[in-house]
Protein backbone atom coordinates (compact mmCIF):
# COMPACT_ATOMS: atom_id res chain seq x y z
CA MET A 1 5.02 37.48 -71.28
CA SER A 2 1.54 39.11 -70.71
CA GLN A 3 0.11 38.60 -67.12
CA ILE A 4 -2.35 35.50 -66.78
CA PHE A 5 -4.17 37.13 -63.79
CA ARG A 6 -5.27 40.51 -63.45
CA PRO A 7 -4.29 42.77 -60.36
CA GLY A 8 -7.89 42.29 -58.97
CA ALA A 9 -7.17 38.52 -58.82
CA ASN A 10 -5.25 39.10 -55.52
CA THR A 11 -8.05 40.60 -53.77
CA LEU A 12 -10.51 38.12 -55.05
CA SER A 13 -8.16 35.36 -53.69
CA LYS A 14 -7.99 37.02 -50.26
CA LEU A 15 -11.63 37.21 -50.17
CA SER A 16 -12.06 33.73 -51.36
CA LEU A 17 -9.72 32.66 -48.47
CA PHE A 18 -11.53 34.65 -46.14
CA VAL A 19 -15.05 33.11 -46.97
CA VAL A 20 -13.82 29.68 -46.77
CA LEU A 21 -11.91 30.02 -43.23
CA SER A 22 -15.09 32.13 -41.93
CA ALA A 23 -17.29 29.18 -43.28
CA VAL A 24 -15.04 26.39 -41.63
CA ALA A 25 -15.03 28.51 -38.17
CA GLY A 26 -18.77 29.02 -38.53
CA LEU A 27 -19.59 25.44 -38.96
CA ILE A 28 -17.23 24.44 -36.01
CA LEU A 29 -19.10 27.09 -33.72
CA VAL A 30 -22.60 25.73 -34.89
CA ALA A 31 -21.40 22.15 -34.06
CA MET A 32 -20.19 23.28 -30.52
CA VAL A 33 -23.50 24.99 -29.93
CA LEU A 34 -25.82 22.30 -31.32
CA GLY A 35 -23.64 19.85 -29.28
CA ARG A 36 -24.67 21.71 -26.14
CA SER A 37 -28.22 22.22 -27.03
CA SER A 38 -31.15 20.25 -25.66
CA TYR A 39 -31.69 18.94 -29.02
CA VAL A 40 -28.59 16.85 -28.42
CA THR A 41 -28.54 16.41 -24.61
CA ARG A 42 -32.21 15.90 -24.37
CA ALA A 43 -32.88 18.08 -21.43
CA ASN A 44 -36.20 19.47 -20.67
CA GLU A 45 -37.73 16.65 -22.92
CA PHE A 46 -40.59 14.93 -21.09
CA VAL A 47 -40.38 11.13 -21.52
CA GLU A 48 -43.30 8.91 -22.12
CA GLN A 49 -43.68 6.51 -19.16
CA PRO A 50 -46.09 3.37 -18.46
CA ILE A 51 -47.54 5.91 -16.06
CA GLN A 52 -47.21 9.54 -16.19
CA PHE A 53 -46.06 9.66 -12.51
CA SER A 54 -46.04 13.16 -11.16
CA HIS A 55 -43.10 14.14 -8.75
CA LEU A 56 -44.98 17.68 -8.22
CA HIS A 57 -47.95 15.69 -6.61
CA HIS A 58 -46.29 13.14 -4.42
CA VAL A 59 -43.19 15.48 -3.43
CA LYS A 60 -44.75 18.72 -3.02
CA ASP A 61 -48.36 18.15 -2.22
CA ASP A 62 -47.81 14.81 -0.03
CA GLY A 63 -44.36 15.57 1.22
CA ILE A 64 -43.05 12.09 0.31
CA ASP A 65 -39.14 12.06 0.80
CA CYS A 66 -36.96 11.26 -2.18
CA ARG A 67 -35.58 8.42 -0.13
CA TYR A 68 -39.04 6.50 0.44
CA CYS A 69 -38.89 5.47 -3.26
CA HIS A 70 -35.19 5.74 -4.00
CA THR A 71 -34.14 3.65 -1.17
CA SER A 72 -30.69 2.94 -2.21
CA VAL A 73 -29.33 6.28 -3.04
CA GLU A 74 -27.40 6.83 0.16
CA ALA A 75 -25.83 3.23 -0.11
CA SER A 76 -25.40 2.43 -3.71
CA ALA A 77 -24.08 3.54 -6.99
CA PHE A 78 -27.68 3.65 -8.14
CA ALA A 79 -30.78 5.48 -6.59
CA GLY A 80 -33.16 2.47 -7.33
CA ILE A 81 -36.47 2.48 -9.04
CA PRO A 82 -38.97 1.59 -6.38
CA PRO A 83 -41.01 -1.91 -6.86
CA THR A 84 -44.77 -1.91 -7.53
CA LYS A 85 -45.25 -2.92 -3.82
CA THR A 86 -44.04 0.54 -2.70
CA CYS A 87 -46.66 2.27 -4.82
CA MET A 88 -49.12 -0.24 -3.41
CA ASN A 89 -48.36 0.84 0.16
CA CYS A 90 -50.41 3.86 -0.30
CA HIS A 91 -52.69 2.97 -3.54
CA SER A 92 -54.10 -0.15 -1.94
CA GLN A 93 -55.93 2.57 0.06
CA LEU A 94 -55.96 5.64 -1.99
CA PHE A 95 -57.48 5.85 -5.55
CA THR A 96 -58.12 2.40 -5.68
CA THR A 97 -60.40 2.20 -8.84
CA ALA A 98 -58.67 5.10 -10.74
CA PRO A 99 -58.14 3.88 -14.27
CA ILE A 100 -54.89 5.88 -14.59
CA LEU A 101 -53.58 3.30 -11.75
CA GLU A 102 -54.72 0.44 -13.52
CA PRO A 103 -51.13 -0.49 -14.76
CA VAL A 104 -49.99 -0.51 -11.27
CA ARG A 105 -52.65 -2.58 -9.98
CA ALA A 106 -51.96 -5.08 -12.67
CA SER A 107 -48.23 -4.95 -12.09
CA PHE A 108 -48.92 -5.85 -8.54
CA ARG A 109 -51.53 -8.54 -9.30
CA ASP A 110 -49.43 -10.20 -11.80
CA ASP A 111 -46.28 -9.83 -10.01
CA THR A 112 -44.57 -8.39 -12.93
CA PRO A 113 -42.58 -5.07 -12.96
CA LEU A 114 -43.52 -1.79 -14.70
CA HIS A 115 -41.02 -0.75 -17.56
CA TRP A 116 -39.91 2.73 -16.57
CA VAL A 117 -37.87 4.54 -19.14
CA ARG A 118 -34.79 6.02 -17.69
CA VAL A 119 -34.88 9.85 -17.79
CA HIS A 120 -31.17 10.54 -16.48
CA ASP A 121 -29.64 8.26 -18.69
CA LEU A 122 -25.64 8.36 -18.63
CA PRO A 123 -23.63 6.65 -21.38
CA ASP A 124 -22.41 3.34 -20.66
CA PHE A 125 -18.67 4.54 -20.65
CA VAL A 126 -19.66 7.08 -17.80
CA TYR A 127 -19.42 5.88 -14.12
CA PHE A 128 -21.61 7.65 -11.48
CA ASN A 129 -21.98 6.66 -8.06
CA HIS A 130 -25.20 8.28 -6.20
CA SER A 131 -23.91 7.22 -2.54
CA ILE A 132 -20.59 9.21 -2.83
CA HIS A 133 -22.16 12.34 -3.94
CA VAL A 134 -24.77 12.14 -1.23
CA LYS A 135 -22.20 11.50 1.60
CA LYS A 136 -20.53 14.70 0.22
CA GLY A 137 -23.35 16.96 0.23
CA VAL A 138 -24.51 17.14 -3.31
CA GLY A 139 -28.41 17.47 -3.16
CA CYS A 140 -30.95 15.90 -5.19
CA GLU A 141 -31.87 19.14 -6.68
CA THR A 142 -28.45 20.00 -7.86
CA CYS A 143 -28.56 17.47 -10.35
CA HIS A 144 -32.17 16.70 -10.83
CA GLY A 145 -33.52 19.98 -10.54
CA ARG A 146 -36.89 20.81 -8.74
CA VAL A 147 -38.57 17.71 -8.96
CA ASP A 148 -41.19 18.84 -6.77
CA GLU A 149 -42.23 21.27 -9.53
CA MET A 150 -42.23 18.79 -12.39
CA PRO A 151 -45.79 17.26 -12.86
CA LEU A 152 -44.02 14.97 -15.60
CA MET A 153 -40.05 14.05 -14.99
CA ARG A 154 -37.76 15.50 -17.27
CA GLN A 155 -33.76 15.88 -17.25
CA GLN A 156 -33.27 19.57 -16.50
CA ASN A 157 -29.39 19.62 -16.97
CA SER A 158 -27.22 18.61 -19.84
CA LEU A 159 -25.46 15.71 -18.18
CA GLN A 160 -22.38 16.59 -20.27
CA MET A 161 -18.80 16.36 -19.05
CA GLN A 162 -18.32 20.12 -18.62
CA TRP A 163 -21.37 20.14 -16.46
CA CYS A 164 -19.80 17.55 -14.29
CA LEU A 165 -16.45 19.26 -14.26
CA ASP A 166 -17.99 22.63 -13.28
CA CYS A 167 -19.02 21.02 -9.99
CA HIS A 168 -15.83 18.86 -9.44
CA ARG A 169 -13.76 22.01 -10.00
CA ALA A 170 -15.60 24.14 -7.56
CA PRO A 171 -17.69 21.98 -5.15
CA GLU A 172 -17.97 24.82 -2.55
CA LYS A 173 -20.59 26.52 -4.80
CA TYR A 174 -22.98 23.51 -4.82
CA VAL A 175 -22.59 21.49 -1.35
CA ARG A 176 -25.19 21.61 1.31
CA PRO A 177 -25.60 19.99 4.87
CA ARG A 178 -26.24 16.30 4.35
CA SER A 179 -29.41 17.04 6.37
CA GLU A 180 -30.69 19.12 3.54
CA ILE A 181 -29.89 16.73 0.77
CA THR A 182 -33.49 16.06 -0.14
CA THR A 183 -34.65 19.44 0.43
CA MET A 184 -36.29 21.12 -2.62
CA GLY A 185 -35.80 24.81 -3.03
CA TYR A 186 -32.95 24.71 -0.20
CA ARG A 187 -31.45 28.31 0.57
CA PRO A 188 -28.50 28.41 2.76
CA PRO A 189 -29.00 30.11 6.20
CA VAL A 190 -25.63 31.95 5.29
CA PRO A 191 -24.05 32.91 2.23
CA GLN A 192 -22.83 29.91 0.06
CA SER A 193 -19.46 31.52 -0.36
CA VAL A 194 -19.33 31.24 3.49
CA GLN A 195 -20.99 27.81 4.07
CA GLY A 196 -19.47 26.11 0.98
CA PRO A 197 -15.82 26.19 1.76
CA GLU A 198 -16.81 25.02 5.43
CA LEU A 199 -18.76 22.08 4.30
CA VAL A 200 -15.77 21.20 1.76
CA LYS A 201 -13.27 20.97 4.72
CA ALA A 202 -15.98 19.14 6.99
CA TYR A 203 -16.77 16.51 4.55
CA ASP A 204 -13.14 16.18 3.39
CA ILE A 205 -14.08 16.87 -0.28
CA HIS A 206 -11.27 16.24 -2.75
CA PRO A 207 -13.28 15.97 -6.04
CA ASN A 208 -10.77 14.37 -8.71
CA THR A 209 -10.95 15.47 -12.30
CA SER A 210 -9.01 12.82 -13.87
CA CYS A 211 -10.44 10.89 -16.93
CA SER A 212 -10.26 7.48 -14.96
CA THR A 213 -12.41 8.86 -12.27
CA CYS A 214 -15.69 8.53 -14.55
CA HIS A 215 -14.52 6.60 -17.59
CA ARG A 216 -13.42 3.15 -16.24
């Protein structure tokens, strides 16, 4: 009986198998890269707000502490969005006729809140508590970036689980003294490799990495 396949068919089948497996591996790699890209995570995207509030101006130029507006960050799971009255503490005296601030004045006059769009918006299945992170020495800048250099607020980090785990697995790389929590551009007085472990011990930091810690 004559051969059905020529000898070259073996080479062709091996090549075809290699191409198919390479294509599958390539698609998986592309999916992994895409999943970590800013296109998916929305990192570094500017979000349209009712008023384009400038952290650069208020934090860097005016020296306003984060906690003046985000009043509950040290005691609550949520940092809190300031009510219009907080804005009017200053703007009842400053830039009182500026057109860009008319929505603020209207909100205060009509007693209706401004509808800010959340920039750092975690999924509903993720639990995060601001207060415990602040108490353990995690600075605002560590998660939110240099907000004092953001004329428009943006999400700097991916907020993905791997990003959270990097800190939970090695908190000594990130923690700082509690007195420096809101300091932008913080630089430790001694190497972080020295200060970090000391603070981890002083603040009794034992970060959990079990699923139920964040997924409740």
